[in-house]
Amino acid sequence: MGDGLDEIVAAARSGDRDAFAALVRATYDDTYTLAYRLTGNEEDARDVVQETYLRAYRSIDRFRGEAKITTWLYRITANCASTQLGSRRRHRHEALDLTVEPADVTPASDPLDRAVAADLRATVETAIAELPPRLRAVVVLRDVYDLPHDAIAAELGITETAAKVRLHRARRALRARCFPDRNQADPPTEVHRAM
């Protein structure tokens, strides 16, 4: 599996609840981060994470180990987020305050570089949060989690072509939002590092 969790996963697959709890502890931060990026708010992200681990617990014995356990959990998280976002569309609620402290970015020791990188990161995170959920999901899965187009399509229940089109639209919207004064085809490489 290659993610350092082989023994824990093997024990969890055989029904060891303590091993599953250890697996949750080892993967929770990354799972929550993905859920938050896909849903855009903390409450939905917590719901998605809870549903993700519930589904994982119920089906851990069927995990074949063909991919890393984290990849398997990402797929479950993406499916749960998609379900959550569909449910949210059916049941409209007032938007919550989405102010989030950006993670510590240390691109260099120069304070000006750190300030510029932090500002760019905040701009990119805000722009991603403002994308429609169907575009946000594709750009997060591709540009943040580096999933291939076919995996994104499978996870979201769309064609690979639709995934590519949505990614193009999402990137175009992000470029317009993050670099409104620039008339360029590609954003600087700092955008990918900021995400």
N, C-alpha and C. Protein backbone atom coordinates (compact mmCIF):
# COMPACT_ATOMS: atom_id res chain seq x y z
N MET A 1 0.82 -1.19 0.00
CA MET A 1 0.00 0.00 0.00
C MET A 1 0.86 1.25 0.00
N GLY A 2 2.00 1.21 0.66
CA GLY A 2 2.97 2.26 0.53
C GLY A 2 2.72 3.54 1.31
N ASP A 3 1.82 3.54 2.26
CA ASP A 3 1.55 4.78 2.99
C ASP A 3 1.89 4.65 4.47
N GLY A 4 2.59 3.58 4.86
CA GLY A 4 3.02 3.39 6.24
C GLY A 4 1.92 2.94 7.17
N LEU A 5 0.78 2.61 6.65
CA LEU A 5 -0.35 2.20 7.48
C LEU A 5 -0.73 0.74 7.26
N ASP A 6 0.15 -0.02 6.64
CA ASP A 6 -0.17 -1.40 6.26
C ASP A 6 -0.64 -2.26 7.44
N GLU A 7 0.09 -2.22 8.55
CA GLU A 7 -0.27 -3.06 9.69
C GLU A 7 -1.60 -2.63 10.30
N ILE A 8 -1.81 -1.32 10.40
CA ILE A 8 -3.06 -0.81 10.96
C ILE A 8 -4.23 -1.22 10.07
N VAL A 9 -4.07 -1.08 8.76
CA VAL A 9 -5.13 -1.42 7.83
C VAL A 9 -5.43 -2.92 7.89
N ALA A 10 -4.39 -3.75 7.95
CA ALA A 10 -4.60 -5.19 8.03
C ALA A 10 -5.38 -5.56 9.29
N ALA A 11 -5.03 -4.95 10.40
CA ALA A 11 -5.74 -5.22 11.65
C ALA A 11 -7.18 -4.72 11.57
N ALA A 12 -7.38 -3.54 11.00
CA ALA A 12 -8.74 -2.99 10.86
C ALA A 12 -9.58 -3.87 9.96
N ARG A 13 -8.99 -4.39 8.90
CA ARG A 13 -9.73 -5.28 7.99
C ARG A 13 -10.18 -6.55 8.69
N SER A 14 -9.42 -6.99 9.67
CA SER A 14 -9.79 -8.22 10.38
C SER A 14 -10.76 -7.93 11.53
N GLY A 15 -11.23 -6.68 11.66
CA GLY A 15 -12.25 -6.37 12.65
C GLY A 15 -11.75 -5.71 13.92
N ASP A 16 -10.49 -5.36 13.99
CA ASP A 16 -9.93 -4.73 15.18
C ASP A 16 -10.37 -3.27 15.25
N ARG A 17 -11.26 -2.95 16.20
CA ARG A 17 -11.80 -1.59 16.33
C ARG A 17 -10.72 -0.58 16.74
N ASP A 18 -9.80 -1.01 17.57
CA ASP A 18 -8.72 -0.10 17.98
C ASP A 18 -7.84 0.27 16.78
N ALA A 19 -7.63 -0.69 15.90
CA ALA A 19 -6.85 -0.41 14.69
C ALA A 19 -7.59 0.57 13.80
N PHE A 20 -8.91 0.40 13.68
CA PHE A 20 -9.67 1.35 12.87
C PHE A 20 -9.60 2.75 13.49
N ALA A 21 -9.69 2.83 14.81
CA ALA A 21 -9.57 4.13 15.49
C ALA A 21 -8.20 4.75 15.22
N ALA A 22 -7.16 3.93 15.20
CA ALA A 22 -5.82 4.43 14.89
C ALA A 22 -5.75 4.92 13.44
N LEU A 23 -6.43 4.21 12.55
CA LEU A 23 -6.49 4.63 11.15
C LEU A 23 -7.18 5.98 11.02
N VAL A 24 -8.25 6.17 11.76
CA VAL A 24 -8.96 7.46 11.74
C VAL A 24 -8.03 8.56 12.23
N ARG A 25 -7.35 8.31 13.34
CA ARG A 25 -6.43 9.33 13.87
C ARG A 25 -5.33 9.66 12.86
N ALA A 26 -4.83 8.66 12.17
CA ALA A 26 -3.72 8.88 11.23
C ALA A 26 -4.15 9.61 9.96
N THR A 27 -5.43 9.51 9.60
CA THR A 27 -5.88 10.09 8.33
C THR A 27 -6.86 11.24 8.48
N TYR A 28 -7.25 11.56 9.71
CA TYR A 28 -8.31 12.54 9.93
C TYR A 28 -8.01 13.92 9.34
N ASP A 29 -6.83 14.45 9.59
CA ASP A 29 -6.52 15.81 9.13
C ASP A 29 -6.64 15.94 7.61
N ASP A 30 -6.08 14.98 6.89
CA ASP A 30 -6.14 15.05 5.43
C ASP A 30 -7.57 14.85 4.92
N THR A 31 -8.31 13.96 5.57
CA THR A 31 -9.70 13.72 5.17
C THR A 31 -10.55 14.96 5.41
N TYR A 32 -10.36 15.58 6.57
CA TYR A 32 -11.12 16.80 6.88
C TYR A 32 -10.76 17.92 5.89
N THR A 33 -9.48 18.07 5.59
CA THR A 33 -9.04 19.12 4.68
C THR A 33 -9.70 18.95 3.32
N LEU A 34 -9.72 17.73 2.80
CA LEU A 34 -10.38 17.47 1.52
C LEU A 34 -11.87 17.77 1.63
N ALA A 35 -12.52 17.31 2.68
CA ALA A 35 -13.95 17.56 2.85
C ALA A 35 -14.25 19.05 2.90
N TYR A 36 -13.41 19.79 3.61
CA TYR A 36 -13.61 21.24 3.71
C TYR A 36 -13.44 21.90 2.35
N ARG A 37 -12.43 21.50 1.63
CA ARG A 37 -12.19 22.10 0.32
C ARG A 37 -13.32 21.79 -0.66
N LEU A 38 -13.91 20.62 -0.52
CA LEU A 38 -14.99 20.24 -1.43
C LEU A 38 -16.31 20.89 -1.04
N THR A 39 -16.58 21.04 0.23
CA THR A 39 -17.87 21.57 0.67
C THR A 39 -17.86 23.07 0.87
N GLY A 40 -16.74 23.61 1.29
CA GLY A 40 -16.63 25.05 1.47
C GLY A 40 -17.04 25.56 2.84
N ASN A 41 -17.45 24.68 3.75
CA ASN A 41 -17.72 25.16 5.10
C ASN A 41 -17.50 24.07 6.13
N GLU A 42 -17.24 24.49 7.35
CA GLU A 42 -16.82 23.58 8.42
C GLU A 42 -17.90 22.57 8.80
N GLU A 43 -19.14 23.03 8.93
CA GLU A 43 -20.22 22.14 9.35
C GLU A 43 -20.43 21.01 8.34
N ASP A 44 -20.50 21.35 7.07
CA ASP A 44 -20.65 20.32 6.04
C ASP A 44 -19.44 19.41 6.01
N ALA A 45 -18.24 19.98 6.18
CA ALA A 45 -17.02 19.17 6.17
C ALA A 45 -17.04 18.15 7.30
N ARG A 46 -17.46 18.58 8.49
CA ARG A 46 -17.54 17.63 9.62
C ARG A 46 -18.55 16.52 9.33
N ASP A 47 -19.68 16.88 8.74
CA ASP A 47 -20.68 15.86 8.37
C ASP A 47 -20.11 14.88 7.35
N VAL A 48 -19.40 15.41 6.37
CA VAL A 48 -18.81 14.56 5.33
C VAL A 48 -17.78 13.62 5.94
N VAL A 49 -16.93 14.13 6.82
CA VAL A 49 -15.90 13.29 7.45
C VAL A 49 -16.56 12.18 8.27
N GLN A 50 -17.59 12.53 9.00
CA GLN A 50 -18.29 11.52 9.81
C GLN A 50 -18.87 10.43 8.91
N GLU A 51 -19.52 10.83 7.83
CA GLU A 51 -20.10 9.85 6.90
C GLU A 51 -18.99 9.04 6.21
N THR A 52 -17.87 9.69 5.90
CA THR A 52 -16.75 8.99 5.27
C THR A 52 -16.26 7.84 6.15
N TYR A 53 -16.01 8.14 7.42
CA TYR A 53 -15.50 7.10 8.31
C TYR A 53 -16.55 6.05 8.63
N LEU A 54 -17.80 6.42 8.64
CA LEU A 54 -18.85 5.43 8.83
C LEU A 54 -18.88 4.45 7.65
N ARG A 55 -18.83 4.99 6.45
CA ARG A 55 -18.80 4.13 5.26
C ARG A 55 -17.52 3.28 5.22
N ALA A 56 -16.41 3.90 5.58
CA ALA A 56 -15.14 3.16 5.58
C ALA A 56 -15.19 2.02 6.60
N TYR A 57 -15.74 2.28 7.77
CA TYR A 57 -15.83 1.25 8.81
C TYR A 57 -16.69 0.08 8.33
N ARG A 58 -17.78 0.41 7.67
CA ARG A 58 -18.69 -0.64 7.19
C ARG A 58 -18.10 -1.47 6.06
N SER A 59 -17.14 -0.89 5.31
CA SER A 59 -16.63 -1.61 4.15
C SER A 59 -15.13 -1.87 4.17
N ILE A 60 -14.47 -1.66 5.32
CA ILE A 60 -13.02 -1.86 5.39
C ILE A 60 -12.62 -3.29 5.04
N ASP A 61 -13.49 -4.24 5.35
CA ASP A 61 -13.17 -5.64 5.04
C ASP A 61 -13.13 -5.89 3.54
N ARG A 62 -13.74 -5.01 2.75
CA ARG A 62 -13.72 -5.16 1.28
C ARG A 62 -12.61 -4.35 0.63
N PHE A 63 -11.83 -3.60 1.42
CA PHE A 63 -10.70 -2.84 0.87
C PHE A 63 -9.66 -3.85 0.40
N ARG A 64 -9.34 -3.80 -0.90
CA ARG A 64 -8.45 -4.81 -1.50
C ARG A 64 -6.98 -4.42 -1.47
N GLY A 65 -6.68 -3.18 -1.16
CA GLY A 65 -5.28 -2.77 -1.10
C GLY A 65 -4.65 -2.50 -2.44
N GLU A 66 -5.47 -2.35 -3.49
CA GLU A 66 -4.92 -2.05 -4.81
C GLU A 66 -4.42 -0.61 -4.90
N ALA A 67 -4.94 0.24 -4.04
CA ALA A 67 -4.50 1.63 -3.94
C ALA A 67 -4.15 1.88 -2.48
N LYS A 68 -3.55 3.03 -2.20
CA LYS A 68 -3.25 3.37 -0.82
C LYS A 68 -4.56 3.58 -0.07
N ILE A 69 -4.56 3.34 1.21
CA ILE A 69 -5.76 3.54 2.03
C ILE A 69 -6.21 5.00 1.97
N THR A 70 -5.26 5.91 1.89
CA THR A 70 -5.62 7.33 1.83
C THR A 70 -6.37 7.64 0.53
N THR A 71 -5.96 7.03 -0.57
CA THR A 71 -6.65 7.23 -1.84
C THR A 71 -8.07 6.69 -1.75
N TRP A 72 -8.23 5.53 -1.13
CA TRP A 72 -9.54 4.94 -0.93
C TRP A 72 -10.41 5.87 -0.10
N LEU A 73 -9.85 6.43 0.96
CA LEU A 73 -10.61 7.36 1.81
C LEU A 73 -10.93 8.65 1.06
N TYR A 74 -10.03 9.13 0.20
CA TYR A 74 -10.31 10.33 -0.60
C TYR A 74 -11.51 10.09 -1.50
N ARG A 75 -11.58 8.90 -2.08
CA ARG A 75 -12.70 8.59 -2.97
C ARG A 75 -14.02 8.56 -2.19
N ILE A 76 -13.99 7.95 -1.02
CA ILE A 76 -15.20 7.93 -0.20
C ILE A 76 -15.57 9.36 0.19
N THR A 77 -14.58 10.16 0.56
CA THR A 77 -14.83 11.56 0.94
C THR A 77 -15.44 12.34 -0.21
N ALA A 78 -14.91 12.16 -1.41
CA ALA A 78 -15.45 12.86 -2.59
C ALA A 78 -16.90 12.46 -2.83
N ASN A 79 -17.20 11.17 -2.69
CA ASN A 79 -18.58 10.71 -2.87
C ASN A 79 -19.50 11.30 -1.80
N CYS A 80 -19.05 11.29 -0.56
CA CYS A 80 -19.86 11.84 0.53
C CYS A 80 -20.07 13.34 0.35
N ALA A 81 -19.03 14.04 -0.09
CA ALA A 81 -19.15 15.49 -0.32
C ALA A 81 -20.14 15.77 -1.45
N SER A 82 -20.09 14.96 -2.49
CA SER A 82 -21.01 15.13 -3.60
C SER A 82 -22.45 14.93 -3.13
N THR A 83 -22.67 13.92 -2.31
CA THR A 83 -24.00 13.68 -1.75
C THR A 83 -24.43 14.84 -0.87
N GLN A 84 -23.52 15.32 -0.03
CA GLN A 84 -23.80 16.43 0.88
C GLN A 84 -24.16 17.69 0.09
N LEU A 85 -23.39 17.99 -0.96
CA LEU A 85 -23.66 19.18 -1.75
C LEU A 85 -25.00 19.07 -2.48
N GLY A 86 -25.34 17.88 -2.95
CA GLY A 86 -26.64 17.67 -3.58
C GLY A 86 -27.76 17.88 -2.58
N SER A 87 -27.57 17.40 -1.37
CA SER A 87 -28.57 17.57 -0.32
C SER A 87 -28.70 19.05 0.04
N ARG A 88 -27.59 19.75 0.09
CA ARG A 88 -27.61 21.16 0.45
C ARG A 88 -28.36 21.96 -0.61
N ARG A 89 -28.22 21.57 -1.89
CA ARG A 89 -28.92 22.27 -2.95
C ARG A 89 -30.44 22.08 -2.81
N ARG A 90 -30.85 20.91 -2.37
CA ARG A 90 -32.28 20.64 -2.19
C ARG A 90 -32.82 21.36 -0.96
N HIS A 91 -31.98 21.59 0.03
CA HIS A 91 -32.40 22.23 1.27
C HIS A 91 -31.56 23.49 1.47
N ARG A 92 -31.97 24.57 0.84
CA ARG A 92 -31.22 25.82 0.91
C ARG A 92 -31.16 26.35 2.35
N HIS A 93 -30.00 26.80 2.76
CA HIS A 93 -29.79 27.40 4.07
C HIS A 93 -28.99 28.68 3.89
N GLU A 94 -29.01 29.50 4.90
CA GLU A 94 -28.18 30.70 4.87
C GLU A 94 -26.72 30.28 4.91
N ALA A 95 -25.90 30.99 4.16
CA ALA A 95 -24.46 30.67 4.13
C ALA A 95 -23.83 31.01 5.48
N LEU A 96 -22.89 30.19 5.89
CA LEU A 96 -22.17 30.43 7.12
C LEU A 96 -20.94 31.28 6.84
N ASP A 97 -20.43 31.92 7.86
CA ASP A 97 -19.21 32.69 7.73
C ASP A 97 -18.06 31.72 7.46
N LEU A 98 -17.36 31.90 6.37
CA LEU A 98 -16.33 30.96 5.96
C LEU A 98 -14.92 31.48 6.22
N THR A 99 -14.76 32.34 7.22
CA THR A 99 -13.43 32.85 7.50
C THR A 99 -12.58 31.75 8.09
N VAL A 100 -11.48 31.48 7.45
CA VAL A 100 -10.56 30.42 7.86
C VAL A 100 -9.16 30.99 7.86
N GLU A 101 -8.44 30.68 8.90
CA GLU A 101 -7.05 31.09 8.96
C GLU A 101 -6.26 30.27 7.95
N PRO A 102 -5.52 30.91 7.04
CA PRO A 102 -4.72 30.14 6.10
C PRO A 102 -3.61 29.39 6.83
N ALA A 103 -3.25 28.25 6.29
CA ALA A 103 -2.18 27.46 6.87
C ALA A 103 -0.86 28.23 6.76
N ASP A 104 0.05 27.90 7.61
CA ASP A 104 1.35 28.56 7.61
C ASP A 104 2.07 28.26 6.30
N VAL A 105 2.43 29.29 5.59
CA VAL A 105 3.19 29.13 4.35
C VAL A 105 4.58 29.72 4.57
N THR A 106 5.59 28.95 4.25
CA THR A 106 6.95 29.42 4.44
C THR A 106 7.75 29.21 3.16
N PRO A 107 7.46 30.00 2.11
CA PRO A 107 8.18 29.80 0.86
C PRO A 107 9.63 30.23 0.93
N ALA A 108 9.94 31.14 1.83
CA ALA A 108 11.31 31.63 1.97
C ALA A 108 11.44 32.28 3.33
N SER A 109 12.63 32.68 3.68
CA SER A 109 12.81 33.32 4.98
C SER A 109 12.52 34.82 4.92
N ASP A 110 12.38 35.36 3.72
CA ASP A 110 12.12 36.79 3.56
C ASP A 110 10.67 37.10 3.96
N PRO A 111 10.46 38.01 4.91
CA PRO A 111 9.09 38.34 5.35
C PRO A 111 8.20 38.84 4.21
N LEU A 112 8.76 39.58 3.27
CA LEU A 112 7.97 40.07 2.15
C LEU A 112 7.48 38.90 1.30
N ASP A 113 8.35 37.93 1.01
CA ASP A 113 7.95 36.75 0.24
C ASP A 113 6.85 35.98 0.97
N ARG A 114 7.00 35.85 2.29
CA ARG A 114 5.97 35.15 3.07
C ARG A 114 4.64 35.90 3.02
N ALA A 115 4.69 37.21 3.11
CA ALA A 115 3.46 38.00 3.07
C ALA A 115 2.78 37.89 1.71
N VAL A 116 3.57 37.97 0.64
CA VAL A 116 3.01 37.85 -0.71
C VAL A 116 2.41 36.45 -0.90
N ALA A 117 3.12 35.42 -0.46
CA ALA A 117 2.62 34.04 -0.59
C ALA A 117 1.35 33.84 0.24
N ALA A 118 1.31 34.39 1.44
CA ALA A 118 0.12 34.26 2.29
C ALA A 118 -1.07 34.98 1.66
N ASP A 119 -0.82 36.15 1.08
CA ASP A 119 -1.88 36.89 0.43
C ASP A 119 -2.40 36.13 -0.79
N LEU A 120 -1.49 35.58 -1.59
CA LEU A 120 -1.88 34.79 -2.76
C LEU A 120 -2.66 33.56 -2.33
N ARG A 121 -2.20 32.88 -1.29
CA ARG A 121 -2.89 31.69 -0.80
C ARG A 121 -4.31 32.03 -0.36
N ALA A 122 -4.46 33.13 0.37
CA ALA A 122 -5.79 33.56 0.83
C ALA A 122 -6.69 33.89 -0.37
N THR A 123 -6.13 34.54 -1.37
CA THR A 123 -6.90 34.88 -2.57
C THR A 123 -7.35 33.62 -3.29
N VAL A 124 -6.44 32.66 -3.44
CA VAL A 124 -6.77 31.40 -4.13
C VAL A 124 -7.81 30.62 -3.33
N GLU A 125 -7.63 30.52 -2.01
CA GLU A 125 -8.60 29.79 -1.19
C GLU A 125 -9.98 30.42 -1.26
N THR A 126 -10.04 31.74 -1.23
CA THR A 126 -11.32 32.43 -1.35
C THR A 126 -11.94 32.18 -2.72
N ALA A 127 -11.12 32.26 -3.76
CA ALA A 127 -11.62 32.03 -5.11
C ALA A 127 -12.14 30.61 -5.27
N ILE A 128 -11.45 29.63 -4.70
CA ILE A 128 -11.91 28.24 -4.76
C ILE A 128 -13.22 28.09 -4.02
N ALA A 129 -13.33 28.70 -2.86
CA ALA A 129 -14.56 28.60 -2.06
C ALA A 129 -15.75 29.22 -2.79
N GLU A 130 -15.50 30.21 -3.63
CA GLU A 130 -16.58 30.89 -4.35
C GLU A 130 -16.99 30.19 -5.64
N LEU A 131 -16.22 29.19 -6.06
CA LEU A 131 -16.60 28.43 -7.25
C LEU A 131 -17.89 27.65 -6.99
N PRO A 132 -18.68 27.42 -8.01
CA PRO A 132 -19.83 26.53 -7.83
C PRO A 132 -19.31 25.14 -7.41
N PRO A 133 -20.06 24.43 -6.58
CA PRO A 133 -19.58 23.14 -6.06
C PRO A 133 -19.10 22.15 -7.11
N ARG A 134 -19.76 22.09 -8.25
CA ARG A 134 -19.34 21.11 -9.27
C ARG A 134 -18.00 21.47 -9.88
N LEU A 135 -17.68 22.77 -9.97
CA LEU A 135 -16.36 23.18 -10.45
C LEU A 135 -15.32 23.06 -9.35
N ARG A 136 -15.70 23.43 -8.13
CA ARG A 136 -14.79 23.35 -6.99
C ARG A 136 -14.30 21.91 -6.80
N ALA A 137 -15.22 20.96 -6.88
CA ALA A 137 -14.84 19.55 -6.67
C ALA A 137 -13.77 19.12 -7.67
N VAL A 138 -13.95 19.46 -8.93
CA VAL A 138 -13.00 19.03 -9.96
C VAL A 138 -11.63 19.68 -9.76
N VAL A 139 -11.60 20.99 -9.50
CA VAL A 139 -10.31 21.66 -9.36
C VAL A 139 -9.58 21.20 -8.10
N VAL A 140 -10.30 20.94 -7.02
CA VAL A 140 -9.65 20.45 -5.80
C VAL A 140 -9.10 19.05 -6.02
N LEU A 141 -9.89 18.17 -6.62
CA LEU A 141 -9.42 16.80 -6.82
C LEU A 141 -8.25 16.73 -7.80
N ARG A 142 -8.23 17.59 -8.79
CA ARG A 142 -7.15 17.57 -9.78
C ARG A 142 -5.91 18.35 -9.31
N ASP A 143 -6.10 19.62 -8.95
CA ASP A 143 -4.96 20.49 -8.69
C ASP A 143 -4.42 20.41 -7.27
N VAL A 144 -5.26 20.01 -6.33
CA VAL A 144 -4.79 19.90 -4.96
C VAL A 144 -4.40 18.46 -4.64
N TYR A 145 -5.26 17.51 -5.02
CA TYR A 145 -5.00 16.10 -4.70
C TYR A 145 -4.42 15.31 -5.85
N ASP A 146 -4.24 15.95 -7.01
CA ASP A 146 -3.53 15.37 -8.15
C ASP A 146 -4.14 14.07 -8.65
N LEU A 147 -5.47 13.94 -8.57
CA LEU A 147 -6.13 12.75 -9.13
C LEU A 147 -6.19 12.90 -10.65
N PRO A 148 -6.06 11.81 -11.39
CA PRO A 148 -6.17 11.87 -12.84
C PRO A 148 -7.63 12.11 -13.26
N HIS A 149 -7.82 12.56 -14.48
CA HIS A 149 -9.16 12.89 -14.97
C HIS A 149 -10.13 11.71 -14.89
N ASP A 150 -9.64 10.50 -15.22
CA ASP A 150 -10.55 9.35 -15.18
C ASP A 150 -11.02 9.05 -13.76
N ALA A 151 -10.15 9.22 -12.78
CA ALA A 151 -10.54 8.98 -11.38
C ALA A 151 -11.52 10.05 -10.92
N ILE A 152 -11.30 11.28 -11.33
CA ILE A 152 -12.22 12.37 -10.97
C ILE A 152 -13.59 12.09 -11.57
N ALA A 153 -13.60 11.71 -12.84
CA ALA A 153 -14.87 11.40 -13.50
C ALA A 153 -15.61 10.28 -12.78
N ALA A 154 -14.88 9.24 -12.42
CA ALA A 154 -15.51 8.12 -11.72
C ALA A 154 -16.06 8.54 -10.37
N GLU A 155 -15.31 9.34 -9.64
CA GLU A 155 -15.74 9.76 -8.32
C GLU A 155 -16.95 10.67 -8.36
N LEU A 156 -17.04 11.52 -9.38
CA LEU A 156 -18.13 12.48 -9.46
C LEU A 156 -19.29 11.98 -10.31
N GLY A 157 -19.14 10.81 -10.93
CA GLY A 157 -20.21 10.25 -11.73
C GLY A 157 -20.45 11.03 -13.02
N ILE A 158 -19.38 11.52 -13.62
CA ILE A 158 -19.46 12.26 -14.88
C ILE A 158 -18.49 11.64 -15.87
N THR A 159 -18.56 12.08 -17.11
CA THR A 159 -17.61 11.56 -18.10
C THR A 159 -16.26 12.23 -17.92
N GLU A 160 -15.24 11.61 -18.46
CA GLU A 160 -13.91 12.20 -18.39
C GLU A 160 -13.87 13.53 -19.13
N THR A 161 -14.57 13.62 -20.25
CA THR A 161 -14.65 14.87 -20.99
C THR A 161 -15.29 15.97 -20.15
N ALA A 162 -16.37 15.62 -19.44
CA ALA A 162 -17.04 16.60 -18.58
C ALA A 162 -16.09 17.06 -17.47
N ALA A 163 -15.30 16.14 -16.94
CA ALA A 163 -14.34 16.50 -15.90
C ALA A 163 -13.31 17.49 -16.44
N LYS A 164 -12.83 17.26 -17.66
CA LYS A 164 -11.86 18.16 -18.27
C LYS A 164 -12.47 19.53 -18.55
N VAL A 165 -13.71 19.54 -19.03
CA VAL A 165 -14.39 20.81 -19.31
C VAL A 165 -14.58 21.60 -18.02
N ARG A 166 -15.04 20.91 -16.97
CA ARG A 166 -15.24 21.59 -15.68
C ARG A 166 -13.93 22.12 -15.12
N LEU A 167 -12.85 21.34 -15.27
CA LEU A 167 -11.55 21.78 -14.80
C LEU A 167 -11.12 23.04 -15.55
N HIS A 168 -11.30 23.04 -16.86
CA HIS A 168 -10.95 24.21 -17.66
C HIS A 168 -11.75 25.43 -17.20
N ARG A 169 -13.04 25.26 -17.00
CA ARG A 169 -13.89 26.38 -16.55
C ARG A 169 -13.48 26.86 -15.17
N ALA A 170 -13.17 25.92 -14.29
CA ALA A 170 -12.77 26.29 -12.93
C ALA A 170 -11.45 27.06 -12.95
N ARG A 171 -10.49 26.57 -13.71
CA ARG A 171 -9.20 27.27 -13.79
C ARG A 171 -9.35 28.65 -14.40
N ARG A 172 -10.19 28.76 -15.43
CA ARG A 172 -10.43 30.06 -16.05
C ARG A 172 -11.06 31.03 -15.04
N ALA A 173 -12.03 30.55 -14.26
CA ALA A 173 -12.67 31.39 -13.24
C ALA A 173 -11.66 31.79 -12.16
N LEU A 174 -10.81 30.85 -11.75
CA LEU A 174 -9.79 31.16 -10.75
C LEU A 174 -8.79 32.18 -11.27
N ARG A 175 -8.38 32.00 -12.51
CA ARG A 175 -7.43 32.93 -13.13
C ARG A 175 -8.02 34.34 -13.17
N ALA A 176 -9.29 34.44 -13.58
CA ALA A 176 -9.94 35.75 -13.65
C ALA A 176 -10.07 36.38 -12.27
N ARG A 177 -10.33 35.56 -11.27
CA ARG A 177 -10.50 36.07 -9.92
C ARG A 177 -9.15 36.45 -9.28
N CYS A 178 -8.16 35.60 -9.46
CA CYS A 178 -6.87 35.81 -8.79
C CYS A 178 -5.96 36.79 -9.52
N PHE A 179 -6.11 36.88 -10.81
CA PHE A 179 -5.23 37.75 -11.61
C PHE A 179 -6.07 38.60 -12.56
N PRO A 180 -6.95 39.45 -12.04
CA PRO A 180 -7.86 40.20 -12.91
C PRO A 180 -7.16 41.21 -13.82
N ASP A 181 -6.01 41.69 -13.42
CA ASP A 181 -5.31 42.71 -14.20
C ASP A 181 -4.36 42.12 -15.23
N ARG A 182 -4.20 40.84 -15.20
CA ARG A 182 -3.25 40.21 -16.12
C ARG A 182 -4.01 39.57 -17.27
N ASN A 183 -3.48 39.69 -18.43
CA ASN A 183 -4.08 39.09 -19.60
C ASN A 183 -3.15 37.97 -20.05
N GLN A 184 -3.13 36.88 -19.27
CA GLN A 184 -2.18 35.82 -19.53
C GLN A 184 -2.90 34.48 -19.66
N ALA A 185 -2.25 33.56 -20.31
CA ALA A 185 -2.85 32.24 -20.52
C ALA A 185 -2.70 31.36 -19.30
N ASP A 186 -1.58 31.45 -18.61
CA ASP A 186 -1.33 30.59 -17.46
C ASP A 186 -0.96 31.42 -16.25
N PRO A 187 -1.51 31.06 -15.07
CA PRO A 187 -1.12 31.78 -13.86
C PRO A 187 0.29 31.40 -13.46
N PRO A 188 0.94 32.22 -12.65
CA PRO A 188 2.29 31.89 -12.20
C PRO A 188 2.29 30.57 -11.44
N THR A 189 3.45 29.95 -11.34
CA THR A 189 3.55 28.65 -10.66
C THR A 189 3.22 28.75 -9.18
N GLU A 190 3.25 29.96 -8.61
CA GLU A 190 2.94 30.10 -7.19
C GLU A 190 1.51 29.68 -6.88
N VAL A 191 0.60 29.74 -7.85
CA VAL A 191 -0.79 29.37 -7.60
C VAL A 191 -0.88 27.92 -7.15
N HIS A 192 -0.20 27.02 -7.85
CA HIS A 192 -0.25 25.61 -7.46
C HIS A 192 0.37 25.39 -6.08
N ARG A 193 1.45 26.12 -5.79
CA ARG A 193 2.05 25.99 -4.46
C ARG A 193 1.14 26.56 -3.41
N ALA A 194 0.39 27.60 -3.75
CA ALA A 194 -0.50 28.23 -2.76
C ALA A 194 -1.67 27.32 -2.43
N MET A 195 -2.08 26.46 -3.34
CA MET A 195 -3.18 25.55 -3.07
C MET A 195 -2.66 24.37 -2.34
